[in-house]
Amino acid sequence: MRCQVVSKEFKVIGMKNKGLYKDFGELVPKAAQIFLSMATNLPNHSGVEVSIYEPPKEKGQADGIFYVGLLVNEEADSVPEGMEYLCIRHEFAMIRGQVSEMGKLYTDLDNWIANQGYQHESPDHYMVEVYFPVENGTEEVEVHIPIKRAC
């Protein structure tokens, strides 16, 4: 698993959700299934699924916001009811691996960020996961954590 710094822009049509951070492992896939069943007529979507997470703003914060959605090729003039258009641009630390190793991916990426002299950006910047189907019904994920150079 190779970590790297990337400057990226994510254009997304998604659905906003809220829940306890400890339950995101269950809530996010359920919300994604609901979103995908409603997203059959989205214009200009790439078919690539994403999840977008609000990091905790305070130590010990129990709940947070997340979005599930699809990458789109251009800005949306209008979106279906209950959905939002988001454009997220930033410099990210990124790692790619199997969805089944999500916890390890985050741990490895956090360690790499610290070892490279970066730190997490303020909680006003979203973390992004991009999902890619691969053979045998498995799925890979790219994890993007917004970063800044440590002082």
Protein backbone atom coordinates (compact mmCIF):
# COMPACT_ATOMS: atom_id res chain seq x y z
CA MET A 1 0.00 0.00 0.00
CA ARG A 2 1.56 3.22 -1.17
CA CYS A 3 0.65 6.59 0.32
CA GLN A 4 1.00 9.80 -1.62
CA VAL A 5 -0.02 13.45 -1.71
CA VAL A 6 -2.52 14.43 -4.40
CA SER A 7 -4.34 17.62 -5.29
CA LYS A 8 -7.86 16.62 -6.25
CA GLU A 9 -11.27 17.95 -7.02
CA PHE A 10 -14.33 15.84 -6.35
CA LYS A 11 -17.63 16.83 -7.96
CA VAL A 12 -20.37 14.85 -6.26
CA ILE A 13 -24.12 14.57 -6.16
CA GLY A 14 -24.95 13.02 -2.84
CA MET A 15 -27.36 12.63 0.01
CA LYS A 16 -26.58 14.04 3.45
CA ASN A 17 -26.86 11.79 6.51
CA LYS A 18 -26.10 12.03 10.21
CA GLY A 19 -25.23 9.42 12.79
CA LEU A 20 -22.91 8.25 15.52
CA TYR A 21 -19.32 7.86 14.35
CA LYS A 22 -19.17 4.42 15.99
CA ASP A 23 -22.07 3.31 13.75
CA PHE A 24 -20.70 4.64 10.43
CA GLY A 25 -19.55 1.14 9.44
CA GLU A 26 -23.21 0.10 9.27
CA LEU A 27 -24.89 3.43 8.46
CA VAL A 28 -22.81 4.36 5.41
CA PRO A 29 -23.43 1.17 3.37
CA LYS A 30 -27.17 1.30 4.18
CA ALA A 31 -27.36 4.97 3.17
CA ALA A 32 -25.42 4.20 -0.02
CA GLN A 33 -27.93 1.49 -0.99
CA ILE A 34 -30.83 3.90 -0.46
CA PHE A 35 -29.06 6.64 -2.42
CA LEU A 36 -28.24 4.35 -5.35
CA SER A 37 -31.84 3.20 -5.58
CA MET A 38 -32.88 6.87 -5.89
CA ALA A 39 -30.05 7.93 -8.22
CA THR A 40 -31.02 6.08 -11.37
CA ASN A 41 -31.62 9.26 -13.40
CA LEU A 42 -28.74 11.44 -12.23
CA PRO A 43 -27.28 13.39 -15.14
CA ASN A 44 -23.56 13.24 -15.96
CA HIS A 45 -22.63 10.76 -13.25
CA SER A 46 -19.55 8.59 -13.68
CA GLY A 47 -20.93 5.55 -11.86
CA VAL A 48 -18.16 5.87 -9.26
CA GLU A 49 -19.45 5.78 -5.67
CA VAL A 50 -18.09 8.05 -2.95
CA SER A 51 -18.56 8.65 0.75
CA ILE A 52 -17.68 12.01 2.27
CA TYR A 53 -17.09 12.46 5.98
CA GLU A 54 -17.05 15.41 8.33
CA PRO A 55 -14.23 14.87 10.83
CA PRO A 56 -15.11 15.48 14.50
CA LYS A 57 -14.90 19.19 15.31
CA GLU A 58 -14.39 18.57 19.04
CA LYS A 59 -12.62 15.90 21.04
CA GLY A 60 -15.15 13.30 22.13
CA GLN A 61 -17.77 14.34 19.57
CA ALA A 62 -20.08 11.34 19.19
CA ASP A 63 -21.99 12.10 16.00
CA GLY A 64 -21.26 13.62 12.63
CA ILE A 65 -22.34 14.25 9.08
CA PHE A 66 -21.59 12.06 6.08
CA TYR A 67 -22.66 12.04 2.45
CA VAL A 68 -23.05 9.12 0.10
CA GLY A 69 -23.09 9.82 -3.61
CA LEU A 70 -21.70 9.50 -7.10
CA LEU A 71 -18.94 11.43 -8.83
CA VAL A 72 -20.28 13.61 -11.63
CA ASN A 73 -18.43 14.95 -14.66
CA GLU A 74 -19.52 18.57 -14.33
CA GLU A 75 -21.32 20.94 -12.00
CA ALA A 76 -24.99 20.16 -11.69
CA ASP A 77 -27.51 22.87 -12.56
CA SER A 78 -30.18 21.08 -10.57
CA VAL A 79 -30.26 17.99 -8.39
CA PRO A 80 -33.11 15.73 -7.35
CA GLU A 81 -34.97 16.55 -4.16
CA GLY A 82 -33.15 15.34 -1.06
CA MET A 83 -29.74 15.46 -2.78
CA GLU A 84 -26.96 18.05 -2.90
CA TYR A 85 -24.14 18.98 -5.24
CA LEU A 86 -20.72 19.24 -3.58
CA CYS A 87 -17.40 20.31 -5.03
CA ILE A 88 -14.46 19.46 -2.79
CA ARG A 89 -10.97 20.68 -3.75
CA HIS A 90 -7.91 20.23 -1.61
CA GLU A 91 -4.55 18.62 -1.14
CA PHE A 92 -4.99 15.14 0.28
CA ALA A 93 -2.92 12.29 1.60
CA MET A 94 -4.20 9.23 -0.26
CA ILE A 95 -3.96 5.46 0.02
CA ARG A 96 -5.69 2.72 -1.98
CA GLY A 97 -6.52 -0.80 -0.85
CA GLN A 98 -9.22 -3.36 -0.17
CA VAL A 99 -12.43 -2.16 1.49
CA SER A 100 -12.10 -5.11 3.88
CA GLU A 101 -8.91 -3.46 5.26
CA MET A 102 -10.47 -0.03 5.87
CA GLY A 103 -9.21 0.31 9.46
CA LYS A 104 -5.66 -0.58 8.46
CA LEU A 105 -5.77 1.86 5.54
CA TYR A 106 -6.68 4.74 7.86
CA THR A 107 -4.03 3.73 10.40
CA ASP A 108 -1.32 3.43 7.74
CA LEU A 109 -2.31 6.74 6.17
CA ASP A 110 -2.41 8.57 9.53
CA ASN A 111 1.07 7.23 10.38
CA TRP A 112 2.39 8.23 6.95
CA ILE A 113 0.95 11.76 7.31
CA ALA A 114 2.77 12.25 10.62
CA ASN A 115 6.04 10.73 9.35
CA GLN A 116 6.06 12.96 6.25
CA GLY A 117 5.68 16.20 8.24
CA TYR A 118 2.03 16.79 7.43
CA GLN A 119 -0.95 17.10 9.70
CA HIS A 120 -4.68 16.79 9.25
CA GLU A 121 -6.34 19.91 7.91
CA SER A 122 -8.95 21.61 10.08
CA PRO A 123 -12.23 19.72 10.65
CA ASP A 124 -13.90 22.07 8.15
CA HIS A 125 -12.45 19.91 5.36
CA TYR A 126 -14.06 16.62 4.43
CA MET A 127 -12.43 13.20 4.13
CA VAL A 128 -13.35 11.36 0.94
CA GLU A 129 -13.55 7.65 0.11
CA VAL A 130 -13.84 6.60 -3.55
CA TYR A 131 -14.96 3.02 -4.27
CA PHE A 132 -13.87 0.88 -7.24
CA PRO A 133 -15.36 -2.54 -8.03
CA VAL A 134 -12.75 -5.17 -8.91
CA GLU A 135 -12.90 -8.83 -9.90
CA ASN A 136 -14.65 -11.47 -7.82
CA GLY A 137 -17.17 -9.01 -6.39
CA THR A 138 -14.59 -7.33 -4.16
CA GLU A 139 -14.13 -3.61 -3.91
CA GLU A 140 -11.15 -1.30 -3.54
CA VAL A 141 -11.23 2.11 -1.93
CA GLU A 142 -9.11 5.24 -2.15
CA VAL A 143 -9.03 7.08 1.17
CA HIS A 144 -8.34 10.84 0.93
CA ILE A 145 -7.54 12.79 4.10
CA PRO A 146 -7.13 16.57 3.76
CA ILE A 147 -3.69 17.68 4.90
CA LYS A 148 -1.47 20.69 5.44
CA ARG A 149 2.24 21.02 6.06
CA ALA A 150 3.05 20.95 9.79
CA CYS A 151 4.63 24.15 11.13
